[in-house]
């Protein structure tokens, strides 16, 4: 995950669409820096990773959908784990 600074909303929006390695900007503040918040925000990044890595326009997670859900769900879960674990360690929120 790349850390970027000084990007405008337009830059971020353009990169979100066109750069497959860019997941977005995560803004965290000391006042609310808890493992729960980091994991919550990691889910947003993981959703972006999932649809980009699988080349999807939309992610269907409805078990009653005609779309295959198992692979998408695993990619999403693995991404949440990887992103949140890396951030929690980097931010020293876990021992």
N, C-alpha and C. Protein backbone atom coordinates (compact mmCIF):
# COMPACT_ATOMS: atom_id res chain seq x y z
N UNK A 1 0.85 -1.17 0.00
CA UNK A 1 0.00 0.00 0.00
C UNK A 1 0.89 1.23 0.00
N UNK A 2 0.64 2.11 -0.91
CA UNK A 2 1.42 3.33 -1.01
C UNK A 2 0.79 4.44 -0.18
N UNK A 3 1.63 5.17 0.51
CA UNK A 3 1.15 6.32 1.27
C UNK A 3 1.41 7.55 0.43
N UNK A 4 0.40 8.36 0.22
CA UNK A 4 0.57 9.57 -0.58
C UNK A 4 0.12 10.77 0.21
N UNK A 5 0.71 11.91 -0.12
CA UNK A 5 0.31 13.16 0.52
C UNK A 5 0.14 14.21 -0.55
N UNK A 6 -0.62 15.24 -0.24
CA UNK A 6 -0.76 16.37 -1.12
C UNK A 6 -1.58 16.11 -2.36
N UNK A 7 -2.36 15.06 -2.39
CA UNK A 7 -3.19 14.76 -3.56
C UNK A 7 -4.52 15.49 -3.44
N UNK A 8 -4.98 16.03 -4.55
CA UNK A 8 -6.29 16.66 -4.56
C UNK A 8 -7.36 15.60 -4.75
N UNK A 9 -8.60 15.97 -4.51
CA UNK A 9 -9.72 15.04 -4.71
C UNK A 9 -9.78 14.60 -6.17
N UNK A 10 -9.50 15.52 -7.11
CA UNK A 10 -9.52 15.17 -8.53
C UNK A 10 -8.42 14.17 -8.86
N UNK A 11 -7.21 14.38 -8.28
CA UNK A 11 -6.12 13.43 -8.49
C UNK A 11 -6.50 12.05 -7.97
N UNK A 12 -7.07 12.03 -6.78
CA UNK A 12 -7.46 10.76 -6.17
C UNK A 12 -8.52 10.07 -6.99
N UNK A 13 -9.50 10.82 -7.46
CA UNK A 13 -10.58 10.24 -8.26
C UNK A 13 -10.04 9.65 -9.56
N UNK A 14 -9.15 10.37 -10.22
CA UNK A 14 -8.56 9.89 -11.47
C UNK A 14 -7.73 8.63 -11.24
N UNK A 15 -6.93 8.63 -10.18
CA UNK A 15 -6.12 7.45 -9.87
C UNK A 15 -6.99 6.28 -9.47
N UNK A 16 -8.07 6.54 -8.77
CA UNK A 16 -8.97 5.46 -8.33
C UNK A 16 -9.49 4.71 -9.53
N UNK A 17 -9.79 5.41 -10.59
CA UNK A 17 -10.37 4.79 -11.78
C UNK A 17 -9.29 4.17 -12.66
N UNK A 18 -8.17 4.86 -12.86
CA UNK A 18 -7.20 4.46 -13.87
C UNK A 18 -5.99 3.68 -13.35
N UNK A 19 -5.66 3.77 -12.10
CA UNK A 19 -4.46 3.12 -11.56
C UNK A 19 -4.87 1.90 -10.76
N UNK A 20 -4.55 0.73 -11.26
CA UNK A 20 -4.99 -0.50 -10.60
C UNK A 20 -4.25 -0.77 -9.30
N UNK A 21 -3.16 -0.05 -9.03
CA UNK A 21 -2.43 -0.26 -7.78
C UNK A 21 -2.85 0.73 -6.70
N UNK A 22 -3.69 1.68 -7.04
CA UNK A 22 -4.08 2.74 -6.11
C UNK A 22 -5.43 2.41 -5.49
N UNK A 23 -5.47 2.35 -4.16
CA UNK A 23 -6.72 2.01 -3.46
C UNK A 23 -7.42 3.22 -2.89
N UNK A 24 -6.76 4.35 -2.83
CA UNK A 24 -7.40 5.55 -2.31
C UNK A 24 -6.58 6.17 -1.20
N UNK A 25 -7.17 7.15 -0.56
CA UNK A 25 -6.54 7.85 0.56
C UNK A 25 -7.33 7.51 1.81
N UNK A 26 -6.63 7.04 2.82
CA UNK A 26 -7.27 6.74 4.10
C UNK A 26 -6.84 7.81 5.10
N UNK A 27 -7.81 8.52 5.60
CA UNK A 27 -7.51 9.56 6.58
C UNK A 27 -7.94 9.07 7.96
N UNK A 28 -6.98 9.06 8.86
CA UNK A 28 -7.22 8.64 10.24
C UNK A 28 -6.78 9.76 11.16
N UNK A 29 -7.46 9.92 12.29
CA UNK A 29 -7.05 10.96 13.24
C UNK A 29 -6.77 10.33 14.59
N UNK A 30 -5.85 10.93 15.32
CA UNK A 30 -5.45 10.41 16.63
C UNK A 30 -6.64 10.24 17.58
N UNK A 31 -7.57 11.16 17.49
CA UNK A 31 -8.72 11.16 18.40
C UNK A 31 -9.56 9.88 18.28
N UNK A 32 -9.61 9.30 17.10
CA UNK A 32 -10.43 8.11 16.86
C UNK A 32 -9.60 6.94 16.33
N UNK A 33 -8.33 6.90 16.67
CA UNK A 33 -7.43 5.87 16.16
C UNK A 33 -7.51 4.62 17.03
N UNK A 34 -8.46 3.78 16.69
CA UNK A 34 -8.67 2.51 17.40
C UNK A 34 -8.58 1.37 16.39
N UNK A 35 -8.33 0.16 16.86
CA UNK A 35 -8.33 -0.97 15.93
C UNK A 35 -9.64 -1.10 15.16
N UNK A 36 -10.74 -0.83 15.81
CA UNK A 36 -12.04 -0.94 15.15
C UNK A 36 -12.18 0.03 13.98
N UNK A 37 -11.71 1.25 14.16
CA UNK A 37 -11.78 2.25 13.09
C UNK A 37 -10.85 1.86 11.94
N UNK A 38 -9.65 1.40 12.27
CA UNK A 38 -8.70 0.99 11.23
C UNK A 38 -9.28 -0.17 10.42
N UNK A 39 -9.87 -1.15 11.08
CA UNK A 39 -10.47 -2.28 10.38
C UNK A 39 -11.65 -1.82 9.53
N UNK A 40 -12.48 -0.95 10.07
CA UNK A 40 -13.62 -0.42 9.32
C UNK A 40 -13.15 0.26 8.03
N UNK A 41 -12.16 1.13 8.15
CA UNK A 41 -11.64 1.84 6.97
C UNK A 41 -10.93 0.89 6.02
N UNK A 42 -10.33 -0.15 6.56
CA UNK A 42 -9.66 -1.16 5.72
C UNK A 42 -10.67 -1.89 4.84
N UNK A 43 -11.89 -2.05 5.32
CA UNK A 43 -12.93 -2.69 4.50
C UNK A 43 -13.19 -1.86 3.24
N UNK A 44 -13.23 -0.55 3.38
CA UNK A 44 -13.44 0.31 2.21
C UNK A 44 -12.32 0.10 1.19
N UNK A 45 -11.08 0.07 1.65
CA UNK A 45 -9.94 -0.15 0.75
C UNK A 45 -10.00 -1.54 0.14
N UNK A 46 -10.40 -2.52 0.93
CA UNK A 46 -10.48 -3.90 0.44
C UNK A 46 -11.55 -4.07 -0.63
N UNK A 47 -12.64 -3.34 -0.51
CA UNK A 47 -13.68 -3.39 -1.54
C UNK A 47 -13.11 -2.87 -2.86
N UNK A 48 -12.39 -1.76 -2.80
CA UNK A 48 -11.77 -1.22 -4.01
C UNK A 48 -10.77 -2.22 -4.58
N UNK A 49 -9.95 -2.81 -3.71
CA UNK A 49 -8.99 -3.82 -4.17
C UNK A 49 -9.70 -4.98 -4.86
N UNK A 50 -10.78 -5.44 -4.28
CA UNK A 50 -11.50 -6.61 -4.82
C UNK A 50 -12.03 -6.33 -6.20
N UNK A 51 -12.74 -5.22 -6.39
CA UNK A 51 -13.31 -4.98 -7.71
C UNK A 51 -12.24 -4.68 -8.74
N UNK A 52 -11.13 -4.03 -8.32
CA UNK A 52 -10.06 -3.78 -9.27
C UNK A 52 -9.32 -5.06 -9.63
N UNK A 53 -8.98 -5.87 -8.64
CA UNK A 53 -8.17 -7.06 -8.91
C UNK A 53 -8.94 -8.10 -9.71
N UNK A 54 -10.25 -8.12 -9.58
CA UNK A 54 -11.06 -9.08 -10.33
C UNK A 54 -11.65 -8.48 -11.60
N UNK A 55 -11.36 -7.20 -11.86
CA UNK A 55 -11.85 -6.55 -13.07
C UNK A 55 -13.36 -6.42 -13.11
N UNK A 56 -13.96 -6.14 -11.97
CA UNK A 56 -15.41 -6.06 -11.87
C UNK A 56 -15.91 -4.62 -11.97
N UNK A 57 -17.14 -4.45 -12.35
CA UNK A 57 -17.80 -3.15 -12.32
C UNK A 57 -18.54 -2.98 -11.00
N UNK A 58 -18.94 -4.09 -10.41
CA UNK A 58 -19.68 -4.09 -9.15
C UNK A 58 -19.38 -5.40 -8.44
N UNK A 59 -19.43 -5.39 -7.13
CA UNK A 59 -19.20 -6.61 -6.36
C UNK A 59 -20.54 -7.11 -5.84
N UNK A 60 -20.91 -8.31 -6.23
CA UNK A 60 -22.13 -8.94 -5.72
C UNK A 60 -21.76 -9.87 -4.58
N UNK A 61 -22.29 -9.63 -3.40
CA UNK A 61 -22.05 -10.50 -2.26
C UNK A 61 -23.34 -11.15 -1.77
N UNK A 62 -24.39 -11.00 -2.52
CA UNK A 62 -25.69 -11.57 -2.17
C UNK A 62 -25.66 -13.07 -2.43
N UNK A 63 -25.86 -13.89 -1.40
CA UNK A 63 -25.81 -15.35 -1.61
C UNK A 63 -26.90 -15.86 -2.54
N UNK A 64 -27.92 -15.08 -2.78
CA UNK A 64 -29.01 -15.49 -3.67
C UNK A 64 -28.85 -14.93 -5.08
N UNK A 65 -27.72 -14.25 -5.31
CA UNK A 65 -27.44 -13.67 -6.62
C UNK A 65 -27.01 -14.77 -7.58
N UNK A 66 -27.19 -14.50 -8.85
CA UNK A 66 -26.75 -15.47 -9.86
C UNK A 66 -25.24 -15.39 -10.08
N UNK A 67 -24.59 -14.38 -9.51
CA UNK A 67 -23.15 -14.22 -9.66
C UNK A 67 -22.41 -15.11 -8.66
N UNK A 68 -21.27 -15.64 -9.07
CA UNK A 68 -20.46 -16.46 -8.18
C UNK A 68 -19.92 -15.59 -7.06
N UNK A 69 -20.20 -15.96 -5.83
CA UNK A 69 -19.85 -15.13 -4.69
C UNK A 69 -18.60 -15.61 -3.97
N UNK A 70 -18.34 -16.90 -3.96
CA UNK A 70 -17.28 -17.46 -3.12
C UNK A 70 -15.92 -16.82 -3.36
N UNK A 71 -15.49 -16.73 -4.59
CA UNK A 71 -14.17 -16.15 -4.88
C UNK A 71 -14.12 -14.69 -4.48
N UNK A 72 -15.15 -13.95 -4.80
CA UNK A 72 -15.18 -12.52 -4.47
C UNK A 72 -15.12 -12.30 -2.97
N UNK A 73 -15.84 -13.12 -2.24
CA UNK A 73 -15.86 -13.01 -0.79
C UNK A 73 -14.49 -13.31 -0.20
N UNK A 74 -13.81 -14.31 -0.72
CA UNK A 74 -12.48 -14.66 -0.24
C UNK A 74 -11.46 -13.57 -0.57
N UNK A 75 -11.52 -13.02 -1.76
CA UNK A 75 -10.61 -11.93 -2.13
C UNK A 75 -10.84 -10.75 -1.19
N UNK A 76 -12.09 -10.43 -0.93
CA UNK A 76 -12.42 -9.32 -0.03
C UNK A 76 -11.92 -9.60 1.38
N UNK A 77 -12.18 -10.78 1.90
CA UNK A 77 -11.75 -11.12 3.26
C UNK A 77 -10.23 -11.10 3.39
N UNK A 78 -9.54 -11.65 2.40
CA UNK A 78 -8.07 -11.64 2.42
C UNK A 78 -7.54 -10.21 2.37
N UNK A 79 -8.17 -9.37 1.57
CA UNK A 79 -7.73 -7.97 1.47
C UNK A 79 -7.97 -7.23 2.78
N UNK A 80 -9.10 -7.44 3.41
CA UNK A 80 -9.38 -6.79 4.71
C UNK A 80 -8.31 -7.21 5.71
N UNK A 81 -8.01 -8.49 5.74
CA UNK A 81 -7.00 -8.99 6.67
C UNK A 81 -5.64 -8.34 6.40
N UNK A 82 -5.19 -8.38 5.15
CA UNK A 82 -3.88 -7.84 4.82
C UNK A 82 -3.74 -6.35 5.07
N UNK A 83 -4.74 -5.60 4.66
CA UNK A 83 -4.70 -4.14 4.83
C UNK A 83 -4.77 -3.77 6.29
N UNK A 84 -5.73 -4.33 7.02
CA UNK A 84 -5.89 -3.96 8.43
C UNK A 84 -4.71 -4.43 9.27
N UNK A 85 -4.20 -5.62 9.01
CA UNK A 85 -3.05 -6.12 9.79
C UNK A 85 -1.83 -5.23 9.57
N UNK A 86 -1.58 -4.84 8.32
CA UNK A 86 -0.44 -3.97 8.03
C UNK A 86 -0.58 -2.61 8.71
N UNK A 87 -1.78 -2.05 8.64
CA UNK A 87 -2.00 -0.73 9.27
C UNK A 87 -1.93 -0.81 10.79
N UNK A 88 -2.54 -1.82 11.38
CA UNK A 88 -2.51 -1.96 12.83
C UNK A 88 -1.08 -2.11 13.34
N UNK A 89 -0.27 -2.85 12.60
CA UNK A 89 1.13 -3.02 12.99
C UNK A 89 1.91 -1.72 12.80
N UNK A 90 1.73 -1.07 11.64
CA UNK A 90 2.43 0.18 11.35
C UNK A 90 2.08 1.28 12.36
N UNK A 91 0.81 1.33 12.75
CA UNK A 91 0.35 2.35 13.68
C UNK A 91 0.56 1.94 15.14
N UNK A 92 1.14 0.77 15.33
CA UNK A 92 1.44 0.24 16.67
C UNK A 92 0.20 0.13 17.54
N UNK A 93 -0.90 -0.33 16.92
CA UNK A 93 -2.14 -0.53 17.66
C UNK A 93 -2.31 -1.98 18.11
N UNK A 94 -1.35 -2.83 17.74
CA UNK A 94 -1.33 -4.21 18.19
C UNK A 94 0.06 -4.53 18.72
N UNK A 95 0.12 -5.47 19.63
CA UNK A 95 1.41 -5.84 20.22
C UNK A 95 2.21 -6.73 19.31
